[in-house]
């Protein structure tokens, strides 16, 4: 079954990337020596620790290189060119790059981001699970 939602979970400290069942099956069938099951592929390739994205600039660079080289099978020159371009795009969360299946999805996201119309991005859903802040009697928020 496909998963069409990127979940960025502060609670779990993990990012759950979207995937297509066909992609999982292909990865498994081509790497049976590396993975024990389809679930193993998902656990190892589509569930990532948030600390992997701790340093945004280098994460954007690394994830762009990975997308271009490994998912798109393009040249290192194309990968470096795009990685340097996106490295300082501060509005771009590097987890989004990791979640994109191809350059077309990333281009669509970047267009939506530039136009400030992320509601138009339909390649996958994006859900943030944020840990709620707990206030004590000693520290009350100032809502005035």
N, C-alpha and C. Protein backbone atom coordinates (compact mmCIF):
# COMPACT_ATOMS: atom_id res chain seq x y z
N UNK A 1 0.84 -1.18 0.00
CA UNK A 1 0.00 0.00 0.00
C UNK A 1 0.89 1.25 0.00
N UNK A 2 0.51 2.25 -0.76
CA UNK A 2 1.25 3.51 -0.85
C UNK A 2 1.06 4.34 0.42
N UNK A 3 2.05 5.17 0.69
CA UNK A 3 1.95 6.16 1.77
C UNK A 3 2.17 7.52 1.11
N UNK A 4 1.15 8.36 1.10
CA UNK A 4 1.26 9.64 0.40
C UNK A 4 1.46 10.82 1.34
N UNK A 5 1.95 10.55 2.56
CA UNK A 5 2.11 11.62 3.54
C UNK A 5 3.52 11.63 4.13
N UNK A 6 4.13 12.79 4.10
CA UNK A 6 5.38 13.02 4.81
C UNK A 6 4.99 13.45 6.22
N UNK A 7 5.46 12.71 7.20
CA UNK A 7 5.19 13.07 8.60
C UNK A 7 6.51 13.45 9.25
N UNK A 8 6.56 14.66 9.75
CA UNK A 8 7.73 15.14 10.47
C UNK A 8 7.31 15.17 11.94
N UNK A 9 7.80 14.19 12.69
CA UNK A 9 7.35 14.00 14.07
C UNK A 9 8.39 14.45 15.08
N UNK A 10 8.12 15.57 15.70
CA UNK A 10 8.98 16.04 16.78
C UNK A 10 8.89 15.08 17.96
N UNK A 11 7.70 14.54 18.17
CA UNK A 11 7.47 13.60 19.27
C UNK A 11 8.36 12.35 19.14
N UNK A 12 8.40 11.76 17.95
CA UNK A 12 9.21 10.56 17.70
C UNK A 12 10.65 10.89 17.31
N UNK A 13 10.91 12.17 16.98
CA UNK A 13 12.22 12.60 16.47
C UNK A 13 12.57 11.85 15.18
N UNK A 14 11.52 11.68 14.33
CA UNK A 14 11.71 10.97 13.07
C UNK A 14 10.91 11.65 11.96
N UNK A 15 11.38 11.42 10.74
CA UNK A 15 10.65 11.82 9.54
C UNK A 15 10.22 10.54 8.83
N UNK A 16 8.93 10.44 8.55
CA UNK A 16 8.37 9.29 7.85
C UNK A 16 8.09 9.73 6.42
N UNK A 17 8.93 9.29 5.51
CA UNK A 17 8.83 9.74 4.12
C UNK A 17 7.71 9.02 3.38
N UNK A 18 7.11 9.71 2.43
CA UNK A 18 6.10 9.05 1.59
C UNK A 18 6.76 8.03 0.67
N UNK A 19 6.01 7.03 0.24
CA UNK A 19 6.56 6.03 -0.67
C UNK A 19 5.44 5.38 -1.47
N UNK A 20 5.86 4.77 -2.55
CA UNK A 20 4.97 3.97 -3.40
C UNK A 20 5.33 2.51 -3.17
N UNK A 21 4.34 1.67 -3.08
CA UNK A 21 4.57 0.25 -2.84
C UNK A 21 5.49 -0.34 -3.90
N UNK A 22 5.27 0.06 -5.16
CA UNK A 22 6.10 -0.46 -6.26
C UNK A 22 7.58 -0.14 -6.05
N UNK A 23 7.87 1.05 -5.51
CA UNK A 23 9.27 1.42 -5.24
C UNK A 23 9.86 0.55 -4.14
N UNK A 24 9.09 0.31 -3.10
CA UNK A 24 9.54 -0.52 -1.98
C UNK A 24 9.84 -1.94 -2.49
N UNK A 25 8.93 -2.45 -3.27
CA UNK A 25 9.07 -3.81 -3.81
C UNK A 25 10.30 -3.91 -4.71
N UNK A 26 10.53 -2.90 -5.54
CA UNK A 26 11.68 -2.90 -6.44
C UNK A 26 12.99 -2.86 -5.65
N UNK A 27 13.06 -1.99 -4.64
CA UNK A 27 14.26 -1.90 -3.81
C UNK A 27 14.53 -3.24 -3.14
N UNK A 28 13.49 -3.84 -2.60
CA UNK A 28 13.64 -5.13 -1.92
C UNK A 28 14.12 -6.22 -2.88
N UNK A 29 13.46 -6.33 -4.03
CA UNK A 29 13.82 -7.38 -4.99
C UNK A 29 15.23 -7.22 -5.55
N UNK A 30 15.71 -6.00 -5.65
CA UNK A 30 17.07 -5.76 -6.16
C UNK A 30 18.14 -5.87 -5.08
N UNK A 31 17.72 -5.93 -3.80
CA UNK A 31 18.67 -5.93 -2.69
C UNK A 31 18.27 -6.90 -1.59
N UNK A 32 17.91 -8.12 -1.96
CA UNK A 32 17.45 -9.09 -0.97
C UNK A 32 18.55 -9.46 0.04
N UNK A 33 19.79 -9.25 -0.33
CA UNK A 33 20.88 -9.51 0.60
C UNK A 33 21.00 -8.42 1.67
N UNK A 34 20.44 -7.25 1.38
CA UNK A 34 20.52 -6.11 2.29
C UNK A 34 19.29 -5.97 3.18
N UNK A 35 18.12 -6.37 2.67
CA UNK A 35 16.86 -6.20 3.39
C UNK A 35 16.20 -7.55 3.64
N UNK A 36 15.61 -7.71 4.81
CA UNK A 36 14.96 -8.97 5.16
C UNK A 36 13.49 -9.02 4.75
N UNK A 37 12.90 -7.84 4.49
CA UNK A 37 11.47 -7.79 4.14
C UNK A 37 11.15 -6.41 3.56
N UNK A 38 9.92 -6.27 3.07
CA UNK A 38 9.47 -4.96 2.59
C UNK A 38 9.45 -3.96 3.75
N UNK A 39 9.03 -4.43 4.93
CA UNK A 39 9.00 -3.57 6.13
C UNK A 39 10.40 -3.09 6.47
N UNK A 40 11.39 -3.94 6.27
CA UNK A 40 12.77 -3.58 6.53
C UNK A 40 13.23 -2.45 5.60
N UNK A 41 12.79 -2.49 4.35
CA UNK A 41 13.11 -1.41 3.40
C UNK A 41 12.52 -0.09 3.91
N UNK A 42 11.26 -0.14 4.32
CA UNK A 42 10.59 1.07 4.82
C UNK A 42 11.33 1.59 6.06
N UNK A 43 11.62 0.70 7.00
CA UNK A 43 12.28 1.11 8.24
C UNK A 43 13.65 1.73 7.99
N UNK A 44 14.40 1.19 7.05
CA UNK A 44 15.76 1.65 6.82
C UNK A 44 15.87 2.82 5.84
N UNK A 45 14.95 2.91 4.90
CA UNK A 45 15.07 3.93 3.85
C UNK A 45 14.04 5.06 3.93
N UNK A 46 12.93 4.83 4.60
CA UNK A 46 11.83 5.80 4.59
C UNK A 46 11.47 6.33 5.97
N UNK A 47 12.19 5.89 6.99
CA UNK A 47 12.03 6.45 8.33
C UNK A 47 13.40 6.96 8.76
N UNK A 48 13.51 8.28 8.85
CA UNK A 48 14.81 8.91 9.09
C UNK A 48 14.81 9.68 10.40
N UNK A 49 15.92 9.65 11.13
CA UNK A 49 15.99 10.44 12.37
C UNK A 49 16.08 11.93 12.04
N UNK A 50 15.40 12.75 12.84
CA UNK A 50 15.41 14.19 12.59
C UNK A 50 16.80 14.79 12.76
N UNK A 51 17.64 14.19 13.59
CA UNK A 51 18.98 14.76 13.77
C UNK A 51 19.81 14.69 12.49
N UNK A 52 19.39 13.89 11.54
CA UNK A 52 20.04 13.85 10.22
C UNK A 52 19.91 15.21 9.51
N UNK A 53 18.90 15.98 9.90
CA UNK A 53 18.60 17.26 9.24
C UNK A 53 18.91 18.45 10.16
N UNK A 54 19.69 18.20 11.19
CA UNK A 54 19.96 19.20 12.22
C UNK A 54 20.59 20.47 11.65
N UNK A 55 21.55 20.32 10.77
CA UNK A 55 22.22 21.47 10.15
C UNK A 55 21.60 21.69 8.76
N UNK A 56 20.72 22.64 8.68
CA UNK A 56 19.90 22.83 7.48
C UNK A 56 20.70 23.05 6.21
N UNK A 57 21.71 23.88 6.25
CA UNK A 57 22.48 24.20 5.04
C UNK A 57 23.14 22.94 4.48
N UNK A 58 23.88 22.24 5.32
CA UNK A 58 24.55 21.03 4.84
C UNK A 58 23.55 19.92 4.51
N UNK A 59 22.43 19.88 5.21
CA UNK A 59 21.39 18.89 4.92
C UNK A 59 20.75 19.14 3.57
N UNK A 60 20.46 20.40 3.26
CA UNK A 60 19.91 20.71 1.93
C UNK A 60 20.89 20.29 0.85
N UNK A 61 22.16 20.59 1.07
CA UNK A 61 23.19 20.22 0.10
C UNK A 61 23.23 18.70 -0.08
N UNK A 62 23.33 17.97 1.02
CA UNK A 62 23.44 16.50 0.98
C UNK A 62 22.20 15.85 0.37
N UNK A 63 21.02 16.31 0.76
CA UNK A 63 19.79 15.71 0.24
C UNK A 63 19.60 16.00 -1.24
N UNK A 64 20.03 17.17 -1.68
CA UNK A 64 19.95 17.49 -3.12
C UNK A 64 20.89 16.60 -3.91
N UNK A 65 22.11 16.42 -3.42
CA UNK A 65 23.08 15.53 -4.08
C UNK A 65 22.47 14.13 -4.18
N UNK A 66 21.91 13.65 -3.09
CA UNK A 66 21.32 12.31 -3.06
C UNK A 66 20.16 12.18 -4.07
N UNK A 67 19.30 13.18 -4.09
CA UNK A 67 18.16 13.15 -5.02
C UNK A 67 18.64 13.09 -6.47
N UNK A 68 19.56 13.95 -6.82
CA UNK A 68 20.01 14.04 -8.22
C UNK A 68 20.83 12.80 -8.62
N UNK A 69 21.76 12.39 -7.76
CA UNK A 69 22.63 11.25 -8.10
C UNK A 69 21.92 9.90 -8.01
N UNK A 70 21.22 9.66 -6.90
CA UNK A 70 20.69 8.32 -6.65
C UNK A 70 19.26 8.09 -7.14
N UNK A 71 18.42 9.09 -7.03
CA UNK A 71 17.04 8.89 -7.49
C UNK A 71 16.88 9.22 -8.97
N UNK A 72 17.66 10.18 -9.44
CA UNK A 72 17.54 10.62 -10.84
C UNK A 72 18.65 10.06 -11.74
N UNK A 73 19.70 9.53 -11.14
CA UNK A 73 20.84 8.99 -11.89
C UNK A 73 21.46 10.02 -12.84
N UNK A 74 21.55 11.24 -12.38
CA UNK A 74 22.16 12.32 -13.17
C UNK A 74 23.64 12.46 -12.78
N UNK A 75 24.33 13.35 -13.46
CA UNK A 75 25.76 13.51 -13.25
C UNK A 75 26.07 14.25 -11.94
N UNK A 76 27.29 14.08 -11.49
CA UNK A 76 27.75 14.78 -10.30
C UNK A 76 27.74 16.29 -10.54
N UNK A 77 27.97 16.72 -11.77
CA UNK A 77 27.96 18.15 -12.09
C UNK A 77 26.57 18.74 -11.93
N UNK A 78 25.56 18.01 -12.40
CA UNK A 78 24.16 18.45 -12.24
C UNK A 78 23.81 18.48 -10.75
N UNK A 79 24.25 17.47 -10.02
CA UNK A 79 23.97 17.38 -8.59
C UNK A 79 24.60 18.55 -7.83
N UNK A 80 25.86 18.81 -8.11
CA UNK A 80 26.55 19.92 -7.43
C UNK A 80 25.94 21.26 -7.78
N UNK A 81 25.60 21.45 -9.04
CA UNK A 81 25.00 22.71 -9.48
C UNK A 81 23.72 23.00 -8.70
N UNK A 82 22.84 22.03 -8.63
CA UNK A 82 21.57 22.22 -7.93
C UNK A 82 21.79 22.31 -6.42
N UNK A 83 22.70 21.52 -5.89
CA UNK A 83 22.97 21.54 -4.44
C UNK A 83 23.46 22.91 -3.99
N UNK A 84 24.36 23.51 -4.77
CA UNK A 84 24.85 24.85 -4.42
C UNK A 84 23.73 25.88 -4.54
N UNK A 85 22.84 25.69 -5.49
CA UNK A 85 21.73 26.61 -5.68
C UNK A 85 20.75 26.55 -4.50
N UNK A 86 20.47 25.35 -4.00
CA UNK A 86 19.47 25.18 -2.94
C UNK A 86 20.03 25.27 -1.53
N UNK A 87 21.33 25.23 -1.41
CA UNK A 87 21.98 25.20 -0.11
C UNK A 87 21.51 26.30 0.84
N UNK A 88 21.33 27.50 0.33
CA UNK A 88 20.96 28.64 1.16
C UNK A 88 19.50 29.07 0.97
N UNK A 89 18.67 28.17 0.48
CA UNK A 89 17.23 28.43 0.38
C UNK A 89 16.62 28.16 1.76
N UNK A 90 16.66 29.18 2.62
CA UNK A 90 16.31 28.98 4.02
C UNK A 90 14.85 28.57 4.24
N UNK A 91 13.98 28.89 3.34
CA UNK A 91 12.57 28.47 3.49
C UNK A 91 12.38 26.99 3.17
N UNK A 92 13.34 26.37 2.53
CA UNK A 92 13.23 24.98 2.10
C UNK A 92 13.72 24.03 3.18
N UNK A 93 12.81 23.26 3.72
CA UNK A 93 13.16 22.26 4.73
C UNK A 93 13.86 21.09 4.02
N UNK A 94 15.04 20.70 4.47
CA UNK A 94 15.76 19.61 3.80
C UNK A 94 15.00 18.28 3.81
N UNK A 95 14.10 18.11 4.75
CA UNK A 95 13.30 16.88 4.79
C UNK A 95 12.40 16.79 3.56
N UNK A 96 11.95 17.93 3.06
CA UNK A 96 11.13 17.96 1.85
C UNK A 96 11.93 17.41 0.67
N UNK A 97 13.19 17.79 0.59
CA UNK A 97 14.05 17.29 -0.50
C UNK A 97 14.16 15.77 -0.40
N UNK A 98 14.39 15.27 0.82
CA UNK A 98 14.50 13.82 1.03
C UNK A 98 13.20 13.10 0.66
N UNK A 99 12.07 13.76 0.86
CA UNK A 99 10.78 13.14 0.59
C UNK A 99 10.42 13.11 -0.90
N UNK A 100 11.03 13.97 -1.68
CA UNK A 100 10.71 14.02 -3.12
C UNK A 100 11.24 12.77 -3.82
N UNK A 101 10.41 12.19 -4.67
CA UNK A 101 10.80 10.99 -5.42
C UNK A 101 11.65 11.33 -6.63
N UNK A 102 11.53 12.57 -7.11
CA UNK A 102 12.26 12.97 -8.31
C UNK A 102 12.39 14.49 -8.37
N UNK A 103 13.11 14.97 -9.36
CA UNK A 103 13.31 16.41 -9.51
C UNK A 103 12.03 17.15 -9.86
N UNK A 104 11.13 16.49 -10.56
CA UNK A 104 9.86 17.13 -10.90
C UNK A 104 9.08 17.49 -9.65
N UNK A 105 9.01 16.57 -8.69
CA UNK A 105 8.31 16.88 -7.43
C UNK A 105 8.99 18.04 -6.70
N UNK A 106 10.31 18.04 -6.67
CA UNK A 106 11.03 19.14 -6.02
C UNK A 106 10.76 20.45 -6.74
N UNK A 107 10.77 20.45 -8.06
CA UNK A 107 10.49 21.68 -8.82
C UNK A 107 9.08 22.20 -8.53
N UNK A 108 8.12 21.32 -8.44
CA UNK A 108 6.74 21.72 -8.13
C UNK A 108 6.70 22.34 -6.74
N UNK A 109 7.36 21.70 -5.78
CA UNK A 109 7.39 22.23 -4.42
C UNK A 109 8.04 23.62 -4.39
N UNK A 110 9.17 23.75 -5.07
CA UNK A 110 9.88 25.04 -5.09
C UNK A 110 9.03 26.14 -5.72
N UNK A 111 8.29 25.81 -6.77
CA UNK A 111 7.37 26.78 -7.39
C UNK A 111 6.30 27.21 -6.40
N UNK A 112 5.71 26.25 -5.71
CA UNK A 112 4.67 26.55 -4.71
C UNK A 112 5.25 27.39 -3.57
N UNK A 113 6.46 27.07 -3.15
CA UNK A 113 7.13 27.80 -2.08
C UNK A 113 7.40 29.25 -2.50
N UNK A 114 7.89 29.40 -3.72
CA UNK A 114 8.20 30.74 -4.23
C UNK A 114 6.95 31.61 -4.35
N UNK A 115 5.85 31.00 -4.76
CA UNK A 115 4.59 31.73 -4.92
C UNK A 115 3.80 31.84 -3.61
N UNK A 116 4.35 31.25 -2.53
CA UNK A 116 3.70 31.22 -1.22
C UNK A 116 2.31 30.57 -1.32
N UNK A 117 2.26 29.47 -2.07
CA UNK A 117 1.00 28.75 -2.30
C UNK A 117 1.23 27.25 -2.07
N UNK A 118 1.72 26.92 -0.89
CA UNK A 118 2.01 25.51 -0.60
C UNK A 118 0.77 24.63 -0.61
N UNK A 119 -0.39 25.24 -0.47
CA UNK A 119 -1.64 24.46 -0.55
C UNK A 119 -1.82 23.86 -1.94
N UNK A 120 -1.12 24.39 -2.93
CA UNK A 120 -1.20 23.85 -4.29
C UNK A 120 -0.28 22.65 -4.51
N UNK A 121 0.58 22.36 -3.55
CA UNK A 121 1.50 21.22 -3.68
C UNK A 121 0.71 19.94 -3.43
N UNK A 122 0.63 19.08 -4.44
CA UNK A 122 -0.21 17.89 -4.35
C UNK A 122 0.55 16.57 -4.52
N UNK A 123 1.87 16.64 -4.62
CA UNK A 123 2.65 15.41 -4.83
C UNK A 123 2.56 14.48 -3.62
N UNK A 124 2.58 15.06 -2.44
CA UNK A 124 2.35 14.31 -1.20
C UNK A 124 1.90 15.31 -0.14
N UNK A 125 1.23 14.78 0.87
CA UNK A 125 0.78 15.62 1.98
C UNK A 125 1.95 15.79 2.94
N UNK A 126 1.92 16.90 3.67
CA UNK A 126 2.96 17.17 4.66
C UNK A 126 2.28 17.41 6.00
N UNK A 127 2.68 16.62 6.98
CA UNK A 127 2.07 16.70 8.30
C UNK A 127 3.17 16.87 9.35
N UNK A 128 3.01 17.87 10.21
CA UNK A 128 3.95 18.10 11.30
C UNK A 128 3.30 17.64 12.60
N UNK A 129 4.00 16.80 13.33
CA UNK A 129 3.55 16.39 14.67
C UNK A 129 4.47 17.08 15.66
N UNK A 130 3.93 18.11 16.29
CA UNK A 130 4.72 18.93 17.19
C UNK A 130 4.39 18.57 18.63
N UNK A 131 5.41 18.46 19.45
CA UNK A 131 5.20 18.19 20.86
C UNK A 131 4.66 19.45 21.52
N UNK A 132 3.54 19.34 22.23
CA UNK A 132 2.98 20.54 22.86
C UNK A 132 3.85 21.03 24.01
N UNK A 133 3.85 22.32 24.21
CA UNK A 133 4.59 22.89 25.33
C UNK A 133 3.74 22.74 26.58
N UNK A 134 4.40 22.41 27.68
CA UNK A 134 3.71 22.28 28.95
C UNK A 134 4.13 23.45 29.82
N UNK A 135 3.14 24.20 30.30
CA UNK A 135 3.41 25.34 31.16
C UNK A 135 3.11 24.97 32.60
N UNK A 136 3.95 25.43 33.50
CA UNK A 136 3.74 25.20 34.92
C UNK A 136 3.18 26.46 35.55
N UNK A 137 2.77 26.36 36.78
CA UNK A 137 2.22 27.53 37.49
C UNK A 137 3.27 28.63 37.60
N UNK A 138 4.53 28.24 37.76
CA UNK A 138 5.59 29.24 37.93
C UNK A 138 5.82 30.02 36.64
N UNK A 139 5.68 29.36 35.51
CA UNK A 139 5.94 30.02 34.23
C UNK A 139 4.68 30.02 33.40
N UNK A 140 3.95 31.07 33.46
CA UNK A 140 2.73 31.18 32.66
C UNK A 140 3.06 32.02 31.43
N UNK A 141 2.50 31.64 30.30
CA UNK A 141 2.77 32.44 29.10
C UNK A 141 2.10 33.80 29.20
N UNK A 142 2.71 34.78 28.63
CA UNK A 142 2.15 36.13 28.60
C UNK A 142 1.42 36.30 27.29
N UNK A 143 0.09 36.23 27.33
CA UNK A 143 -0.71 36.34 26.12
C UNK A 143 -1.21 37.77 25.90
N UNK A 144 -0.75 38.69 26.70
CA UNK A 144 -1.24 40.07 26.59
C UNK A 144 -0.65 40.78 25.41
